[in-house]
Amino acid sequence: MVRRDRPDAPALSASVTLRGDADEEDRLLVARFVESRDEAAFRALYRRHASFLYRFLLRLSVGDGAAAEEGVQETWVRAAQGLAGFGWRSSLKTWLAGIAIRWWRESRRTAARDAELPDEASLPAAPVIRREIDRVDLERALAELPAGYRRAILLHDVEGYTHEEVAEMTGIDVGTSKSQLSRARNALRTRLSGRKP
């Protein structure tokens, strides 16, 4: 809800309108593609969402650009096959992120690198964290997290998805999403606090 008495209310209202416009544009492009396999509509959808998917998969893949590119392409192949059945229960961006996550999980399994989340008791106690953290330190600490923890932080804290959206994308319960995020934040704090200034 946008409050009109706040100084940033017009900006917030504009951003809500822009998102609504973006969602409507996605709907029109998807309809054009589904109805006639309109290549221009598909290219427009690709241009609108490919950079987000690449950045998202690049972080999930811990900086492996080739894997991120492969993931983007595979996400779009799967999306093209499933767009006709997309029910718009979420935004197109959320739906695409879910496809990307499923591809990422599959690629990890086939590479036999799928790691289980560590037991919380096995993590060292979290010492006091520094007030200032370099971006490089944060990126490095995030890359060191187990895959499930990294995914939880990226989806919720970096990309801004709600726990309900994360649960829908990843196929877990909302409560599981919340507990994974809590454990992921603790693990990230632990790694960051171990860094020397």
C-alpha atoms as a PDB file:
ATOM      1  CA  MET A   1       0.000   0.000   0.000  1.00  0.00           C
ATOM      2  CA  VAL A   2       1.363   3.419  -0.965  1.00  0.00           C
ATOM      3  CA  ARG A   3       0.901   6.184   1.593  1.00  0.00           C
ATOM      4  CA  ARG A   4       0.404   9.601   0.032  1.00  0.00           C
ATOM      5  CA  ASP A   5       1.772  11.535   3.035  1.00  0.00           C
ATOM      6  CA  ARG A   6       5.289  10.192   2.567  1.00  0.00           C
ATOM      7  CA  PRO A   7       7.735  12.282   0.528  1.00  0.00           C
ATOM      8  CA  ASP A   8       8.577   9.303  -1.664  1.00  0.00           C
ATOM      9  CA  ALA A   9       4.937   8.357  -2.314  1.00  0.00           C
ATOM     10  CA  PRO A  10       4.907   9.553  -5.956  1.00  0.00           C
ATOM     11  CA  ALA A  11       8.071   7.568  -6.682  1.00  0.00           C
ATOM     12  CA  LEU A  12       6.611   4.459  -5.059  1.00  0.00           C
ATOM     13  CA  SER A  13       3.373   4.887  -6.963  1.00  0.00           C
ATOM     14  CA  ALA A  14       5.288   5.274 -10.217  1.00  0.00           C
ATOM     15  CA  SER A  15       7.308   2.125  -9.568  1.00  0.00           C
ATOM     16  CA  VAL A  16       4.131   0.122  -8.873  1.00  0.00           C
ATOM     17  CA  THR A  17       2.632   1.460 -12.104  1.00  0.00           C
ATOM     18  CA  LEU A  18       5.800   0.617 -14.035  1.00  0.00           C
ATOM     19  CA  ARG A  19       5.794  -2.928 -12.715  1.00  0.00           C
ATOM     20  CA  GLY A  20       2.143  -3.277 -13.664  1.00  0.00           C
ATOM     21  CA  ASP A  21       2.956  -1.957 -17.141  1.00  0.00           C
ATOM     22  CA  ALA A  22       5.874  -4.401 -17.401  1.00  0.00           C
ATOM     23  CA  ASP A  23       3.637  -7.310 -16.375  1.00  0.00           C
ATOM     24  CA  GLU A  24       1.026  -6.231 -18.923  1.00  0.00           C
ATOM     25  CA  GLU A  25       3.674  -5.979 -21.637  1.00  0.00           C
ATOM     26  CA  ASP A  26       4.898  -9.480 -20.717  1.00  0.00           C
ATOM     27  CA  ARG A  27       1.315 -10.771 -21.025  1.00  0.00           C
ATOM     28  CA  LEU A  28       0.904  -9.219 -24.482  1.00  0.00           C
ATOM     29  CA  LEU A  29       4.241 -10.575 -25.714  1.00  0.00           C
ATOM     30  CA  VAL A  30       3.508 -14.064 -24.360  1.00  0.00           C
ATOM     31  CA  ALA A  31       0.065 -14.033 -25.993  1.00  0.00           C
ATOM     32  CA  ARG A  32       1.607 -13.054 -29.353  1.00  0.00           C
ATOM     33  CA  PHE A  33       4.210 -15.788 -29.061  1.00  0.00           C
ATOM     34  CA  VAL A  34       1.740 -18.493 -28.002  1.00  0.00           C
ATOM     35  CA  GLU A  35      -0.836 -17.598 -30.668  1.00  0.00           C
ATOM     36  CA  SER A  36       1.441 -17.431 -33.694  1.00  0.00           C
ATOM     37  CA  ARG A  37       4.944 -18.338 -32.500  1.00  0.00           C
ATOM     38  CA  ASP A  38       5.833 -14.702 -33.200  1.00  0.00           C
ATOM     39  CA  GLU A  39       9.632 -14.626 -33.220  1.00  0.00           C
ATOM     40  CA  ALA A  40       9.779 -10.866 -32.598  1.00  0.00           C
ATOM     41  CA  ALA A  41       7.650 -11.284 -29.459  1.00  0.00           C
ATOM     42  CA  PHE A  42       9.950 -14.022 -28.198  1.00  0.00           C
ATOM     43  CA  ARG A  43      13.037 -11.880 -28.868  1.00  0.00           C
ATOM     44  CA  ALA A  44      11.413  -9.012 -26.958  1.00  0.00           C
ATOM     45  CA  LEU A  45      10.720 -11.316 -23.989  1.00  0.00           C
ATOM     46  CA  TYR A  46      14.304 -12.557 -24.155  1.00  0.00           C
ATOM     47  CA  ARG A  47      15.712  -9.010 -24.143  1.00  0.00           C
ATOM     48  CA  ARG A  48      13.498  -8.081 -21.187  1.00  0.00           C
ATOM     49  CA  HIS A  49      14.521 -11.003 -18.947  1.00  0.00           C
ATOM     50  CA  ALA A  50      17.784 -12.579 -20.146  1.00  0.00           C
ATOM     51  CA  SER A  51      20.125 -10.217 -18.282  1.00  0.00           C
ATOM     52  CA  PHE A  52      18.336 -10.887 -14.971  1.00  0.00           C
ATOM     53  CA  LEU A  53      18.549 -14.650 -15.585  1.00  0.00           C
ATOM     54  CA  TYR A  54      22.241 -14.425 -16.452  1.00  0.00           C
ATOM     55  CA  ARG A  55      23.116 -12.407 -13.312  1.00  0.00           C
ATOM     56  CA  PHE A  56      21.026 -14.734 -11.165  1.00  0.00           C
ATOM     57  CA  LEU A  57      22.562 -17.919 -12.586  1.00  0.00           C
ATOM     58  CA  LEU A  58      26.057 -16.410 -12.485  1.00  0.00           C
ATOM     59  CA  ARG A  59      25.715 -15.946  -8.733  1.00  0.00           C
ATOM     60  CA  LEU A  60      24.217 -19.402  -8.246  1.00  0.00           C
ATOM     61  CA  SER A  61      27.092 -20.879 -10.270  1.00  0.00           C
ATOM     62  CA  VAL A  62      29.687 -18.981  -8.220  1.00  0.00           C
ATOM     63  CA  GLY A  63      30.922 -16.908 -11.125  1.00  0.00           C
ATOM     64  CA  ASP A  64      30.976 -19.657 -13.776  1.00  0.00           C
ATOM     65  CA  GLY A  65      30.004 -17.586 -16.831  1.00  0.00           C
ATOM     66  CA  ALA A  66      29.783 -20.569 -19.162  1.00  0.00           C
ATOM     67  CA  ALA A  67      27.371 -22.341 -16.821  1.00  0.00           C
ATOM     68  CA  ALA A  68      25.290 -19.173 -16.462  1.00  0.00           C
ATOM     69  CA  GLU A  69      25.081 -18.771 -20.251  1.00  0.00           C
ATOM     70  CA  GLU A  70      24.104 -22.414 -20.674  1.00  0.00           C
ATOM     71  CA  GLY A  71      21.483 -21.981 -17.959  1.00  0.00           C
ATOM     72  CA  VAL A  72      19.996 -18.913 -19.623  1.00  0.00           C
ATOM     73  CA  GLN A  73      19.693 -20.746 -22.942  1.00  0.00           C
ATOM     74  CA  GLU A  74      18.193 -23.854 -21.343  1.00  0.00           C
ATOM     75  CA  THR A  75      15.766 -21.714 -19.326  1.00  0.00           C
ATOM     76  CA  TRP A  76      14.509 -20.082 -22.530  1.00  0.00           C
ATOM     77  CA  VAL A  77      14.196 -23.417 -24.338  1.00  0.00           C
ATOM     78  CA  ARG A  78      12.067 -24.750 -21.493  1.00  0.00           C
ATOM     79  CA  ALA A  79      10.104 -21.499 -21.228  1.00  0.00           C
ATOM     80  CA  ALA A  80       9.274 -21.569 -24.954  1.00  0.00           C
ATOM     81  CA  GLN A  81       7.909 -25.095 -24.523  1.00  0.00           C
ATOM     82  CA  GLY A  82       5.850 -24.182 -21.449  1.00  0.00           C
ATOM     83  CA  LEU A  83       4.588 -20.652 -22.142  1.00  0.00           C
ATOM     84  CA  ALA A  84       1.238 -21.899 -23.459  1.00  0.00           C
ATOM     85  CA  GLY A  85       0.543 -23.501 -20.077  1.00  0.00           C
ATOM     86  CA  PHE A  86       1.801 -20.605 -17.949  1.00  0.00           C
ATOM     87  CA  GLY A  87      -1.116 -19.641 -15.663  1.00  0.00           C
ATOM     88  CA  TRP A  88       0.096 -16.182 -14.498  1.00  0.00           C
ATOM     89  CA  ARG A  89      -0.167 -17.105 -10.805  1.00  0.00           C
ATOM     90  CA  SER A  90       3.163 -15.268 -10.517  1.00  0.00           C
ATOM     91  CA  SER A  91       5.039 -12.784 -12.662  1.00  0.00           C
ATOM     92  CA  LEU A  92       6.837 -14.042 -15.741  1.00  0.00           C
ATOM     93  CA  LYS A  93      10.157 -13.121 -14.085  1.00  0.00           C
ATOM     94  CA  THR A  94       9.343 -15.329 -11.076  1.00  0.00           C
ATOM     95  CA  TRP A  95       8.292 -18.196 -13.345  1.00  0.00           C
ATOM     96  CA  LEU A  96      11.510 -17.903 -15.366  1.00  0.00           C
ATOM     97  CA  ALA A  97      13.575 -17.833 -12.155  1.00  0.00           C
ATOM     98  CA  GLY A  98      11.874 -21.075 -11.103  1.00  0.00           C
ATOM     99  CA  ILE A  99      12.812 -22.708 -14.402  1.00  0.00           C
ATOM    100  CA  ALA A 100      16.403 -21.455 -14.001  1.00  0.00           C
ATOM    101  CA  ILE A 101      16.606 -22.873 -10.481  1.00  0.00           C
ATOM    102  CA  ARG A 102      15.337 -26.258 -11.636  1.00  0.00           C
ATOM    103  CA  TRP A 103      17.929 -26.301 -14.457  1.00  0.00           C
ATOM    104  CA  TRP A 104      20.663 -25.307 -12.012  1.00  0.00           C
ATOM    105  CA  ARG A 105      19.711 -28.141  -9.630  1.00  0.00           C
ATOM    106  CA  GLU A 106      19.669 -30.659 -12.471  1.00  0.00           C
ATOM    107  CA  SER A 107      23.049 -29.522 -13.769  1.00  0.00           C
ATOM    108  CA  ARG A 108      24.539 -29.827 -10.294  1.00  0.00           C
ATOM    109  CA  ARG A 109      23.148 -33.331  -9.860  1.00  0.00           C
ATOM    110  CA  THR A 110      24.494 -34.515 -13.189  1.00  0.00           C
ATOM    111  CA  ALA A 111      27.885 -33.066 -12.282  1.00  0.00           C
ATOM    112  CA  ALA A 112      27.684 -34.937  -8.943  1.00  0.00           C
ATOM    113  CA  ARG A 113      28.395 -31.741  -7.036  1.00  0.00           C
ATOM    114  CA  ASP A 114      25.120 -31.495  -5.177  1.00  0.00           C
ATOM    115  CA  ALA A 115      26.024 -30.849  -1.546  1.00  0.00           C
ATOM    116  CA  GLU A 116      23.664 -31.311   1.371  1.00  0.00           C
ATOM    117  CA  LEU A 117      23.065 -28.421   3.723  1.00  0.00           C
ATOM    118  CA  PRO A 118      25.376 -28.753   6.708  1.00  0.00           C
ATOM    119  CA  ASP A 119      24.002 -29.348  10.169  1.00  0.00           C
ATOM    120  CA  GLU A 120      23.716 -26.029  12.001  1.00  0.00           C
ATOM    121  CA  ALA A 121      25.642 -27.503  14.942  1.00  0.00           C
ATOM    122  CA  SER A 122      28.642 -28.128  12.684  1.00  0.00           C
ATOM    123  CA  LEU A 123      29.006 -24.426  11.899  1.00  0.00           C
ATOM    124  CA  PRO A 124      31.360 -22.459  14.148  1.00  0.00           C
ATOM    125  CA  ALA A 125      29.839 -19.929  16.533  1.00  0.00           C
ATOM    126  CA  ALA A 126      29.330 -16.513  14.973  1.00  0.00           C
ATOM    127  CA  PRO A 127      31.749 -13.954  16.411  1.00  0.00           C
ATOM    128  CA  VAL A 128      31.031 -10.226  16.305  1.00  0.00           C
ATOM    129  CA  ILE A 129      30.909  -8.968  12.730  1.00  0.00           C
ATOM    130  CA  ARG A 130      32.763  -5.884  11.464  1.00  0.00           C
ATOM    131  CA  ARG A 131      30.666  -2.843  10.695  1.00  0.00           C
ATOM    132  CA  GLU A 132      32.065  -2.418   7.186  1.00  0.00           C
ATOM    133  CA  ILE A 133      32.269  -5.248   4.695  1.00  0.00           C
ATOM    134  CA  ASP A 134      33.900  -4.892   1.315  1.00  0.00           C
ATOM    135  CA  ARG A 135      31.815  -5.985  -1.657  1.00  0.00           C
ATOM    136  CA  VAL A 136      34.594  -8.409  -2.614  1.00  0.00           C
ATOM    137  CA  ASP A 137      34.460  -9.967   0.863  1.00  0.00           C
ATOM    138  CA  LEU A 138      30.688 -10.315   0.590  1.00  0.00           C
ATOM    139  CA  GLU A 139      30.848 -11.908  -2.872  1.00  0.00           C
ATOM    140  CA  ARG A 140      33.598 -14.295  -1.743  1.00  0.00           C
ATOM    141  CA  ALA A 141      31.722 -15.269   1.438  1.00  0.00           C
ATOM    142  CA  LEU A 142      28.529 -15.796  -0.550  1.00  0.00           C
ATOM    143  CA  ALA A 143      30.383 -18.027  -3.020  1.00  0.00           C
ATOM    144  CA  GLU A 144      31.703 -20.153  -0.135  1.00  0.00           C
ATOM    145  CA  LEU A 145      28.211 -20.920   1.169  1.00  0.00           C
ATOM    146  CA  PRO A 146      26.602 -24.275   0.405  1.00  0.00           C
ATOM    147  CA  ALA A 147      24.387 -24.086  -2.677  1.00  0.00           C
ATOM    148  CA  GLY A 148      21.083 -24.148  -0.790  1.00  0.00           C
ATOM    149  CA  TYR A 149      22.138 -21.318   1.506  1.00  0.00           C
ATOM    150  CA  ARG A 150      23.414 -19.262  -1.411  1.00  0.00           C
ATOM    151  CA  ARG A 151      20.126 -19.792  -3.271  1.00  0.00           C
ATOM    152  CA  ALA A 152      18.107 -18.707  -0.202  1.00  0.00           C
ATOM    153  CA  ILE A 153      20.044 -15.448   0.200  1.00  0.00           C
ATOM    154  CA  LEU A 154      20.072 -14.651  -3.520  1.00  0.00           C
ATOM    155  CA  LEU A 155      16.357 -15.203  -3.995  1.00  0.00           C
ATOM    156  CA  HIS A 156      15.126 -13.473  -0.843  1.00  0.00           C
ATOM    157  CA  ASP A 157      17.716 -10.864   0.131  1.00  0.00           C
ATOM    158  CA  VAL A 158      19.272  -9.986  -3.233  1.00  0.00           C
ATOM    159  CA  GLU A 159      16.409 -10.456  -5.721  1.00  0.00           C
ATOM    160  CA  GLY A 160      13.681  -9.519  -3.233  1.00  0.00           C
ATOM    161  CA  TYR A 161      11.346 -12.478  -3.640  1.00  0.00           C
ATOM    162  CA  THR A 162       8.940 -13.207  -0.783  1.00  0.00           C
ATOM    163  CA  HIS A 163       9.122 -16.508   1.084  1.00  0.00           C
ATOM    164  CA  GLU A 164       5.928 -17.553  -0.706  1.00  0.00           C
ATOM    165  CA  GLU A 165       7.511 -16.881  -4.109  1.00  0.00           C
ATOM    166  CA  VAL A 166      10.729 -18.663  -3.096  1.00  0.00           C
ATOM    167  CA  ALA A 167       8.693 -21.655  -1.936  1.00  0.00           C
ATOM    168  CA  GLU A 168       6.820 -21.754  -5.245  1.00  0.00           C
ATOM    169  CA  MET A 169      10.011 -21.480  -7.326  1.00  0.00           C
ATOM    170  CA  THR A 170      11.987 -24.063  -5.380  1.00  0.00           C
ATOM    171  CA  GLY A 171       9.226 -26.498  -4.459  1.00  0.00           C
ATOM    172  CA  ILE A 172       9.673 -26.187  -0.678  1.00  0.00           C
ATOM    173  CA  ASP A 173       7.368 -25.090   2.138  1.00  0.00           C
ATOM    174  CA  VAL A 174       7.249 -21.441   3.202  1.00  0.00           C
ATOM    175  CA  GLY A 175       8.510 -22.428   6.666  1.00  0.00           C
ATOM    176  CA  THR A 176      11.449 -24.256   5.117  1.00  0.00           C
ATOM    177  CA  SER A 177      12.277 -21.163   3.079  1.00  0.00           C
ATOM    178  CA  LYS A 178      12.319 -19.056   6.247  1.00  0.00           C
ATOM    179  CA  SER A 179      14.501 -21.478   8.193  1.00  0.00           C
ATOM    180  CA  GLN A 180      16.947 -21.912   5.287  1.00  0.00           C
ATOM    181  CA  LEU A 181      17.280 -18.137   5.017  1.00  0.00           C
ATOM    182  CA  SER A 182      17.922 -17.827   8.742  1.00  0.00           C
ATOM    183  CA  ARG A 183      20.608 -20.521   8.662  1.00  0.00           C
ATOM    184  CA  ALA A 184      22.076 -19.018   5.473  1.00  0.00           C
ATOM    185  CA  ARG A 185      22.359 -15.584   7.082  1.00  0.00           C
ATOM    186  CA  ASN A 186      24.059 -17.092  10.134  1.00  0.00           C
ATOM    187  CA  ALA A 187      26.519 -18.971   7.920  1.00  0.00           C
ATOM    188  CA  LEU A 188      27.221 -15.801   5.924  1.00  0.00           C
ATOM    189  CA  ARG A 189      27.816 -13.805   9.124  1.00  0.00           C
ATOM    190  CA  THR A 190      30.215 -16.492  10.311  1.00  0.00           C
ATOM    191  CA  ARG A 191      32.216 -16.346   7.109  1.00  0.00           C
ATOM    192  CA  LEU A 192      32.258 -12.559   7.033  1.00  0.00           C
ATOM    193  CA  SER A 193      33.325 -12.232  10.652  1.00  0.00           C
ATOM    194  CA  GLY A 194      36.341 -14.448  10.021  1.00  0.00           C
ATOM    195  CA  ARG A 195      37.738 -11.971   7.470  1.00  0.00           C
ATOM    196  CA  LYS A 196      40.543  -9.640   8.521  1.00  0.00           C
ATOM    197  CA  PRO A 197      39.932  -5.911   7.916  1.00  0.00           C
END
